[in-house]
């Protein structure tokens, strides 16, 4: 698991270290606290990566709304 994936839960849901442990039971408390320490030491870079991932996902969602298949279905009157 990447630190940025773990931190996404902290940023999106304000999860504590304890909640992260419940959500990611395969990680030890030491791994979770290590990831949190790494995040706080590198917060600007990791926040920028989270923002990049979010923008990329939004772009993919927007593009999927106008996919060739959806265009054909709209032309056939099968999609609103």
C-alpha atoms as a PDB file:
ATOM      1  CA  UNK A   1       0.000   0.000   0.000  1.00  0.00           C
ATOM      2  CA  UNK A   2       1.234   3.456  -0.834  1.00  0.00           C
ATOM      3  CA  UNK A   3       1.320   6.164   1.807  1.00  0.00           C
ATOM      4  CA  UNK A   4      -0.830   8.371  -0.425  1.00  0.00           C
ATOM      5  CA  UNK A   5      -3.573   5.690  -0.439  1.00  0.00           C
ATOM      6  CA  UNK A   6      -3.567   5.497   3.343  1.00  0.00           C
ATOM      7  CA  UNK A   7      -3.526   9.268   3.706  1.00  0.00           C
ATOM      8  CA  UNK A   8      -6.508   9.601   1.367  1.00  0.00           C
ATOM      9  CA  UNK A   9      -8.618   8.227   4.232  1.00  0.00           C
ATOM     10  CA  UNK A  10      -7.179  10.780   6.607  1.00  0.00           C
ATOM     11  CA  UNK A  11      -7.832  13.664   4.226  1.00  0.00           C
ATOM     12  CA  UNK A  12     -11.247  12.531   2.963  1.00  0.00           C
ATOM     13  CA  UNK A  13     -12.721  11.178   6.196  1.00  0.00           C
ATOM     14  CA  UNK A  14     -10.514  12.636   8.950  1.00  0.00           C
ATOM     15  CA  UNK A  15      -9.703   9.083  10.074  1.00  0.00           C
ATOM     16  CA  UNK A  16      -7.519   8.726  13.149  1.00  0.00           C
ATOM     17  CA  UNK A  17      -4.661   6.251  13.410  1.00  0.00           C
ATOM     18  CA  UNK A  18      -7.029   3.930  15.278  1.00  0.00           C
ATOM     19  CA  UNK A  19      -9.645   4.111  12.534  1.00  0.00           C
ATOM     20  CA  UNK A  20      -6.971   3.516   9.904  1.00  0.00           C
ATOM     21  CA  UNK A  21      -6.071   0.379  11.857  1.00  0.00           C
ATOM     22  CA  UNK A  22      -9.683  -0.795  11.667  1.00  0.00           C
ATOM     23  CA  UNK A  23      -9.944   0.016   7.968  1.00  0.00           C
ATOM     24  CA  UNK A  24      -6.572  -1.518   7.085  1.00  0.00           C
ATOM     25  CA  UNK A  25      -6.265  -4.416   9.500  1.00  0.00           C
ATOM     26  CA  UNK A  26      -3.369  -5.848   7.499  1.00  0.00           C
ATOM     27  CA  UNK A  27      -1.166  -2.926   8.648  1.00  0.00           C
ATOM     28  CA  UNK A  28       0.516  -2.799  12.028  1.00  0.00           C
ATOM     29  CA  UNK A  29       0.163   0.252  14.285  1.00  0.00           C
ATOM     30  CA  UNK A  30       3.844   0.960  13.619  1.00  0.00           C
ATOM     31  CA  UNK A  31       3.266   0.977   9.861  1.00  0.00           C
ATOM     32  CA  UNK A  32       0.293   3.304  10.218  1.00  0.00           C
ATOM     33  CA  UNK A  33       2.133   5.727  12.486  1.00  0.00           C
ATOM     34  CA  UNK A  34       5.172   5.555  10.208  1.00  0.00           C
ATOM     35  CA  UNK A  35       3.000   6.460   7.226  1.00  0.00           C
ATOM     36  CA  UNK A  36       1.442   9.334   9.166  1.00  0.00           C
ATOM     37  CA  UNK A  37       4.876  10.616  10.181  1.00  0.00           C
ATOM     38  CA  UNK A  38       6.044  10.401   6.567  1.00  0.00           C
ATOM     39  CA  UNK A  39       2.934  12.311   5.474  1.00  0.00           C
ATOM     40  CA  UNK A  40       3.457  15.119   7.980  1.00  0.00           C
ATOM     41  CA  UNK A  41       7.105  15.388   6.933  1.00  0.00           C
ATOM     42  CA  UNK A  42       6.125  15.490   3.243  1.00  0.00           C
ATOM     43  CA  UNK A  43       2.640  16.973   3.395  1.00  0.00           C
ATOM     44  CA  UNK A  44       2.981  19.444   0.517  1.00  0.00           C
ATOM     45  CA  UNK A  45       4.148  16.795  -1.954  1.00  0.00           C
ATOM     46  CA  UNK A  46       1.601  14.194  -0.858  1.00  0.00           C
ATOM     47  CA  UNK A  47      -1.262  16.695  -0.909  1.00  0.00           C
ATOM     48  CA  UNK A  48      -0.204  17.650  -4.448  1.00  0.00           C
ATOM     49  CA  UNK A  49      -0.268  13.956  -5.435  1.00  0.00           C
ATOM     50  CA  UNK A  50      -3.744  13.533  -3.904  1.00  0.00           C
ATOM     51  CA  UNK A  51      -4.910  16.581  -5.854  1.00  0.00           C
ATOM     52  CA  UNK A  52      -3.426  15.193  -9.090  1.00  0.00           C
ATOM     53  CA  UNK A  53      -5.165  11.840  -8.536  1.00  0.00           C
ATOM     54  CA  UNK A  54      -8.459  13.600  -7.802  1.00  0.00           C
ATOM     55  CA  UNK A  55      -8.234  15.724 -10.948  1.00  0.00           C
ATOM     56  CA  UNK A  56      -7.340  12.662 -13.030  1.00  0.00           C
ATOM     57  CA  UNK A  57     -10.365  10.763 -11.656  1.00  0.00           C
ATOM     58  CA  UNK A  58     -12.669  13.714 -12.337  1.00  0.00           C
ATOM     59  CA  UNK A  59     -11.399  13.918 -15.901  1.00  0.00           C
ATOM     60  CA  UNK A  60     -11.929  10.186 -16.435  1.00  0.00           C
ATOM     61  CA  UNK A  61     -15.489  10.462 -15.036  1.00  0.00           C
ATOM     62  CA  UNK A  62     -16.256  13.391 -17.331  1.00  0.00           C
ATOM     63  CA  UNK A  63     -14.857  11.575 -20.354  1.00  0.00           C
ATOM     64  CA  UNK A  64     -16.866   8.442 -19.558  1.00  0.00           C
ATOM     65  CA  UNK A  65     -20.070  10.485 -19.638  1.00  0.00           C
ATOM     66  CA  UNK A  66     -19.434  11.171 -23.315  1.00  0.00           C
ATOM     67  CA  UNK A  67     -17.915   7.857 -24.377  1.00  0.00           C
ATOM     68  CA  UNK A  68     -18.547   6.600 -27.928  1.00  0.00           C
ATOM     69  CA  UNK A  69     -20.958   3.990 -26.545  1.00  0.00           C
ATOM     70  CA  UNK A  70     -22.959   6.606 -24.647  1.00  0.00           C
ATOM     71  CA  UNK A  71     -23.012   8.788 -27.787  1.00  0.00           C
ATOM     72  CA  UNK A  72     -24.444   5.894 -29.843  1.00  0.00           C
ATOM     73  CA  UNK A  73     -27.031   5.101 -27.172  1.00  0.00           C
ATOM     74  CA  UNK A  74     -28.095   8.757 -27.065  1.00  0.00           C
ATOM     75  CA  UNK A  75     -28.399   8.803 -30.870  1.00  0.00           C
ATOM     76  CA  UNK A  76     -30.624   5.723 -30.654  1.00  0.00           C
ATOM     77  CA  UNK A  77     -32.757   7.431 -27.990  1.00  0.00           C
ATOM     78  CA  UNK A  78     -31.832   4.870 -25.346  1.00  0.00           C
ATOM     79  CA  UNK A  79     -29.974   7.227 -23.067  1.00  0.00           C
ATOM     80  CA  UNK A  80     -31.159  10.549 -21.713  1.00  0.00           C
END
